[in-house]
Structures are given as C-alpha cells and as structure tokens.
Amino acid sequence: MGLKLDSKLVGTIIESEVFIKLSEMGFDVFTPFMMNHKTDCIIKKGNRCINIQIKTGIRCYNPKWSEDRWRAEIKRKDRKARRLNYDKEDCDFFIVKCRGYDAFYIFPYSCCKETNTVQLYPHRDKQVHQGFDAEPYKNAWELLERAI
C-alpha cells in the first residue's frame, strides 16, 4: 500500500480481484458494458443469476485510539453527488474487499439496505461491536452458493 493510487484505479483493481475469486469458485461472471451501472457484475451458475455490487474497504487508522480498521460505504452517488441507498432490483449481494488484506465480506442486500457504512476488522478475531456486526460475513462465500 505504499503507492498512492487514484480511487477509480483502486476500485478497478478490487473489482478484478473479486471477479477472479468468483471465477475460481466456478461462477460465470458478467460485467456491464456501461460505466456507473448500479450492478458491478452478475454471477451465474446453471440458470440462476445474482446481482453483485462490489465495494472497497479502505484502511482507517486512528493513533489516538490505537484503532486499526477498514471502512466501506454501502451507498451509491447520484449525478448530484448525493448518497443514496441501492434498490433491491439492482443488488442481491454486496462484496467488500479490504484493500491490502486478503479478506472479502459477502453481505446479503437485506443486511445493508439501511446501512451507510460498514466497519471491518479482518485482521482480528471476533470483536464486540455496537450496531451492525460485519464479522460473521467475512469470507462467507457459502451465502452465494446457497442463493444460487
């Protein structure tokens, strides 16, 4: 993480890492032709398809509290840069990949529809959290398998 990369490039790298992982798991991965689509990819096995939105977990370190965590926004921006919730029609699952760490979080839409951000601790054992607890979704690929 020594290089300072443009956020769009980071997003493209993270999406590619997720596409590779999904392909390795035997999913067919389809991406939209147009930019800024509400669905980052559609995965397919057999005759079932799932809409996926991919987010990047960014490391946030606060030396005052000695807290090391990753944070990801679970919102989209409209043309006026307003943050909006995703619609169920656009997203069945969110996959958050923590930049610089080999951890993926697989969240069903129903878990995140009212959430602005998720706080992630992929480098630690189970934590006690206030609010939404993301840790049960760490590397929970079986959620996608069951949904297909």
C-alpha atoms as a PDB file:
ATOM      1  CA  MET A   1       0.000   0.000   0.000  1.00  0.00           C
ATOM      2  CA  GLY A   2       2.973   2.271  -0.463  1.00  0.00           C
ATOM      3  CA  LEU A   3       1.807   3.745  -3.767  1.00  0.00           C
ATOM      4  CA  LYS A   4      -0.829   6.460  -3.811  1.00  0.00           C
ATOM      5  CA  LEU A   5      -3.305   5.245  -6.423  1.00  0.00           C
ATOM      6  CA  ASP A   6      -6.273   7.029  -7.933  1.00  0.00           C
ATOM      7  CA  SER A   7      -9.524   5.865  -6.288  1.00  0.00           C
ATOM      8  CA  LYS A   8     -11.001   4.737  -9.631  1.00  0.00           C
ATOM      9  CA  LEU A   9      -7.923   2.600 -10.272  1.00  0.00           C
ATOM     10  CA  VAL A  10      -8.166   1.107  -6.776  1.00  0.00           C
ATOM     11  CA  GLY A  11     -11.840   0.298  -7.421  1.00  0.00           C
ATOM     12  CA  THR A  12     -10.959  -1.378 -10.722  1.00  0.00           C
ATOM     13  CA  ILE A  13      -8.245  -3.460  -9.035  1.00  0.00           C
ATOM     14  CA  ILE A  14     -10.628  -4.529  -6.246  1.00  0.00           C
ATOM     15  CA  GLU A  15     -13.358  -5.421  -8.758  1.00  0.00           C
ATOM     16  CA  SER A  16     -10.846  -7.523 -10.700  1.00  0.00           C
ATOM     17  CA  GLU A  17      -9.802  -9.366  -7.532  1.00  0.00           C
ATOM     18  CA  VAL A  18     -13.454 -10.164  -6.802  1.00  0.00           C
ATOM     19  CA  PHE A  19     -14.102 -11.271 -10.413  1.00  0.00           C
ATOM     20  CA  ILE A  20     -11.105 -13.625 -10.224  1.00  0.00           C
ATOM     21  CA  LYS A  21     -12.213 -15.087  -6.896  1.00  0.00           C
ATOM     22  CA  LEU A  22     -15.770 -15.646  -8.180  1.00  0.00           C
ATOM     23  CA  SER A  23     -14.424 -17.278 -11.360  1.00  0.00           C
ATOM     24  CA  GLU A  24     -12.174 -19.573  -9.316  1.00  0.00           C
ATOM     25  CA  MET A  25     -15.272 -20.647  -7.397  1.00  0.00           C
ATOM     26  CA  GLY A  26     -16.969 -21.742 -10.609  1.00  0.00           C
ATOM     27  CA  PHE A  27     -19.293 -18.780 -11.182  1.00  0.00           C
ATOM     28  CA  ASP A  28     -19.709 -17.254 -14.619  1.00  0.00           C
ATOM     29  CA  VAL A  29     -19.069 -13.513 -14.195  1.00  0.00           C
ATOM     30  CA  PHE A  30     -20.712 -10.898 -16.414  1.00  0.00           C
ATOM     31  CA  THR A  31     -19.950  -7.185 -16.230  1.00  0.00           C
ATOM     32  CA  PRO A  32     -21.979  -4.251 -17.600  1.00  0.00           C
ATOM     33  CA  PHE A  33     -20.795  -2.562 -20.768  1.00  0.00           C
ATOM     34  CA  MET A  34     -21.600   0.952 -19.494  1.00  0.00           C
ATOM     35  CA  MET A  35     -19.792   2.759 -16.676  1.00  0.00           C
ATOM     36  CA  ASN A  36     -21.546   3.741 -13.423  1.00  0.00           C
ATOM     37  CA  HIS A  37     -24.059   0.923 -13.560  1.00  0.00           C
ATOM     38  CA  LYS A  38     -25.818   0.090 -10.274  1.00  0.00           C
ATOM     39  CA  THR A  39     -24.695  -3.538 -10.641  1.00  0.00           C
ATOM     40  CA  ASP A  40     -20.950  -4.238 -10.823  1.00  0.00           C
ATOM     41  CA  CYS A  41     -21.391  -7.802 -12.021  1.00  0.00           C
ATOM     42  CA  ILE A  42     -23.873 -10.593 -12.435  1.00  0.00           C
ATOM     43  CA  ILE A  43     -22.802 -14.072 -11.447  1.00  0.00           C
ATOM     44  CA  LYS A  44     -24.412 -17.186 -12.841  1.00  0.00           C
ATOM     45  CA  LYS A  45     -24.401 -20.899 -12.153  1.00  0.00           C
ATOM     46  CA  GLY A  46     -26.835 -23.077 -14.022  1.00  0.00           C
ATOM     47  CA  ASN A  47     -29.910 -20.974 -14.753  1.00  0.00           C
ATOM     48  CA  ARG A  48     -29.743 -18.721 -11.645  1.00  0.00           C
ATOM     49  CA  CYS A  49     -28.253 -15.206 -11.677  1.00  0.00           C
ATOM     50  CA  ILE A  50     -27.275 -12.903  -8.805  1.00  0.00           C
ATOM     51  CA  ASN A  51     -26.593  -9.142  -8.988  1.00  0.00           C
ATOM     52  CA  ILE A  52     -23.429  -8.114  -7.141  1.00  0.00           C
ATOM     53  CA  GLN A  53     -22.261  -4.671  -6.029  1.00  0.00           C
ATOM     54  CA  ILE A  54     -18.550  -4.519  -5.152  1.00  0.00           C
ATOM     55  CA  LYS A  55     -17.156  -2.079  -2.605  1.00  0.00           C
ATOM     56  CA  THR A  56     -13.621  -1.326  -1.460  1.00  0.00           C
ATOM     57  CA  GLY A  57     -12.707  -1.500   2.215  1.00  0.00           C
ATOM     58  CA  ILE A  58     -10.289   1.336   2.965  1.00  0.00           C
ATOM     59  CA  ARG A  59      -7.940   1.146   5.942  1.00  0.00           C
ATOM     60  CA  CYS A  60      -8.564   3.750   8.642  1.00  0.00           C
ATOM     61  CA  TYR A  61      -6.028   4.038  11.433  1.00  0.00           C
ATOM     62  CA  ASN A  62      -6.574   6.337  14.388  1.00  0.00           C
ATOM     63  CA  PRO A  63      -3.395   6.544  16.529  1.00  0.00           C
ATOM     64  CA  LYS A  64      -5.283   8.389  19.271  1.00  0.00           C
ATOM     65  CA  TRP A  65      -7.342   5.255  19.956  1.00  0.00           C
ATOM     66  CA  SER A  66      -4.839   2.758  18.533  1.00  0.00           C
ATOM     67  CA  GLU A  67      -7.671   1.540  16.351  1.00  0.00           C
ATOM     68  CA  ASP A  68      -6.959  -0.188  13.085  1.00  0.00           C
ATOM     69  CA  ARG A  69      -9.992  -0.966  10.930  1.00  0.00           C
ATOM     70  CA  TRP A  70     -11.330  -0.936   7.410  1.00  0.00           C
ATOM     71  CA  ARG A  71     -14.369   1.048   6.339  1.00  0.00           C
ATOM     72  CA  ALA A  72     -16.618   0.711   3.303  1.00  0.00           C
ATOM     73  CA  GLU A  73     -19.508   2.844   2.137  1.00  0.00           C
ATOM     74  CA  ILE A  74     -22.629   0.916   1.168  1.00  0.00           C
ATOM     75  CA  LYS A  75     -24.239   3.774  -0.714  1.00  0.00           C
ATOM     76  CA  ARG A  76     -24.215   4.981  -4.287  1.00  0.00           C
ATOM     77  CA  LYS A  77     -23.928   8.531  -5.576  1.00  0.00           C
ATOM     78  CA  ASP A  78     -26.385  10.121  -7.963  1.00  0.00           C
ATOM     79  CA  ARG A  79     -25.452  12.727 -10.581  1.00  0.00           C
ATOM     80  CA  LYS A  80     -25.582  15.471  -7.945  1.00  0.00           C
ATOM     81  CA  ALA A  81     -23.206  13.503  -5.676  1.00  0.00           C
ATOM     82  CA  ARG A  82     -25.982  12.703  -3.181  1.00  0.00           C
ATOM     83  CA  ARG A  83     -25.570   9.414  -1.369  1.00  0.00           C
ATOM     84  CA  LEU A  84     -28.479   7.047  -1.946  1.00  0.00           C
ATOM     85  CA  ASN A  85     -29.390   3.508  -0.939  1.00  0.00           C
ATOM     86  CA  TYR A  86     -29.246   0.778  -3.550  1.00  0.00           C
ATOM     87  CA  ASP A  87     -32.522  -0.707  -4.759  1.00  0.00           C
ATOM     88  CA  LYS A  88     -33.271  -4.403  -4.302  1.00  0.00           C
ATOM     89  CA  GLU A  89     -33.659  -4.739  -8.082  1.00  0.00           C
ATOM     90  CA  ASP A  90     -30.045  -3.627  -8.578  1.00  0.00           C
ATOM     91  CA  CYS A  91     -28.238  -5.610  -5.913  1.00  0.00           C
ATOM     92  CA  ASP A  92     -28.715  -9.026  -4.305  1.00  0.00           C
ATOM     93  CA  PHE A  93     -25.336  -9.040  -2.537  1.00  0.00           C
ATOM     94  CA  PHE A  94     -22.544  -6.639  -1.656  1.00  0.00           C
ATOM     95  CA  ILE A  95     -18.991  -7.932  -1.703  1.00  0.00           C
ATOM     96  CA  VAL A  96     -16.475  -5.778   0.149  1.00  0.00           C
ATOM     97  CA  LYS A  97     -12.782  -6.483  -0.424  1.00  0.00           C
ATOM     98  CA  CYS A  98     -10.422  -4.956   2.113  1.00  0.00           C
ATOM     99  CA  ARG A  99      -7.612  -3.211   0.254  1.00  0.00           C
ATOM    100  CA  GLY A 100      -4.234  -4.611   1.183  1.00  0.00           C
ATOM    101  CA  TYR A 101      -5.745  -7.505   3.113  1.00  0.00           C
ATOM    102  CA  ASP A 102      -6.917 -10.879   1.888  1.00  0.00           C
ATOM    103  CA  ALA A 103     -10.462 -10.677   3.227  1.00  0.00           C
ATOM    104  CA  PHE A 104     -13.791 -10.476   1.453  1.00  0.00           C
ATOM    105  CA  TYR A 105     -17.112  -9.711   3.142  1.00  0.00           C
ATOM    106  CA  ILE A 106     -20.259 -11.065   1.495  1.00  0.00           C
ATOM    107  CA  PHE A 107     -23.394  -9.237   2.634  1.00  0.00           C
ATOM    108  CA  PRO A 108     -26.933 -10.022   1.501  1.00  0.00           C
ATOM    109  CA  TYR A 109     -28.807  -6.899   0.399  1.00  0.00           C
ATOM    110  CA  SER A 110     -31.221  -7.269   3.326  1.00  0.00           C
ATOM    111  CA  CYS A 111     -28.368  -6.724   5.820  1.00  0.00           C
ATOM    112  CA  CYS A 112     -27.180  -3.484   4.261  1.00  0.00           C
ATOM    113  CA  LYS A 113     -30.249  -1.763   2.865  1.00  0.00           C
ATOM    114  CA  GLU A 114     -30.315   0.766   5.732  1.00  0.00           C
ATOM    115  CA  THR A 115     -26.570   0.898   6.394  1.00  0.00           C
ATOM    116  CA  ASN A 116     -24.414   3.822   5.284  1.00  0.00           C
ATOM    117  CA  THR A 117     -21.059   2.256   6.078  1.00  0.00           C
ATOM    118  CA  VAL A 118     -19.636  -0.947   7.481  1.00  0.00           C
ATOM    119  CA  GLN A 119     -16.703  -1.119   9.869  1.00  0.00           C
ATOM    120  CA  LEU A 120     -14.493  -4.142   9.234  1.00  0.00           C
ATOM    121  CA  TYR A 121     -11.791  -5.809  11.318  1.00  0.00           C
ATOM    122  CA  PRO A 122     -10.382  -8.552   9.063  1.00  0.00           C
ATOM    123  CA  HIS A 123      -7.072  -8.708  10.901  1.00  0.00           C
ATOM    124  CA  ARG A 124      -8.568  -9.517  14.312  1.00  0.00           C
ATOM    125  CA  ASP A 125     -10.559 -12.296  15.887  1.00  0.00           C
ATOM    126  CA  LYS A 126     -14.217 -11.701  16.644  1.00  0.00           C
ATOM    127  CA  GLN A 127     -14.830  -8.236  18.071  1.00  0.00           C
ATOM    128  CA  VAL A 128     -17.686  -6.884  20.149  1.00  0.00           C
ATOM    129  CA  HIS A 129     -19.320  -4.164  18.084  1.00  0.00           C
ATOM    130  CA  GLN A 130     -22.037  -1.648  18.620  1.00  0.00           C
ATOM    131  CA  GLY A 131     -24.527  -1.596  15.784  1.00  0.00           C
ATOM    132  CA  PHE A 132     -24.059  -3.758  12.706  1.00  0.00           C
ATOM    133  CA  ASP A 133     -21.654  -6.679  13.193  1.00  0.00           C
ATOM    134  CA  ALA A 134     -19.946  -7.433   9.879  1.00  0.00           C
ATOM    135  CA  GLU A 135     -17.585 -10.157  11.053  1.00  0.00           C
ATOM    136  CA  PRO A 136     -19.969 -13.131  10.526  1.00  0.00           C
ATOM    137  CA  TYR A 137     -19.913 -12.223   6.813  1.00  0.00           C
ATOM    138  CA  LYS A 138     -16.129 -12.420   6.456  1.00  0.00           C
ATOM    139  CA  ASN A 139     -15.321 -14.851   3.621  1.00  0.00           C
ATOM    140  CA  ALA A 140     -18.926 -16.134   3.782  1.00  0.00           C
ATOM    141  CA  TRP A 141     -18.889 -17.424   0.195  1.00  0.00           C
ATOM    142  CA  GLU A 142     -21.421 -20.083   1.133  1.00  0.00           C
ATOM    143  CA  LEU A 143     -24.095 -17.351   1.112  1.00  0.00           C
ATOM    144  CA  LEU A 144     -23.659 -17.025  -2.651  1.00  0.00           C
ATOM    145  CA  GLU A 145     -23.605 -20.791  -3.132  1.00  0.00           C
ATOM    146  CA  ARG A 146     -26.877 -21.144  -1.208  1.00  0.00           C
ATOM    147  CA  ALA A 147     -28.501 -18.281  -3.125  1.00  0.00           C
ATOM    148  CA  ILE A 148     -27.722 -19.970  -6.451  1.00  0.00           C
END
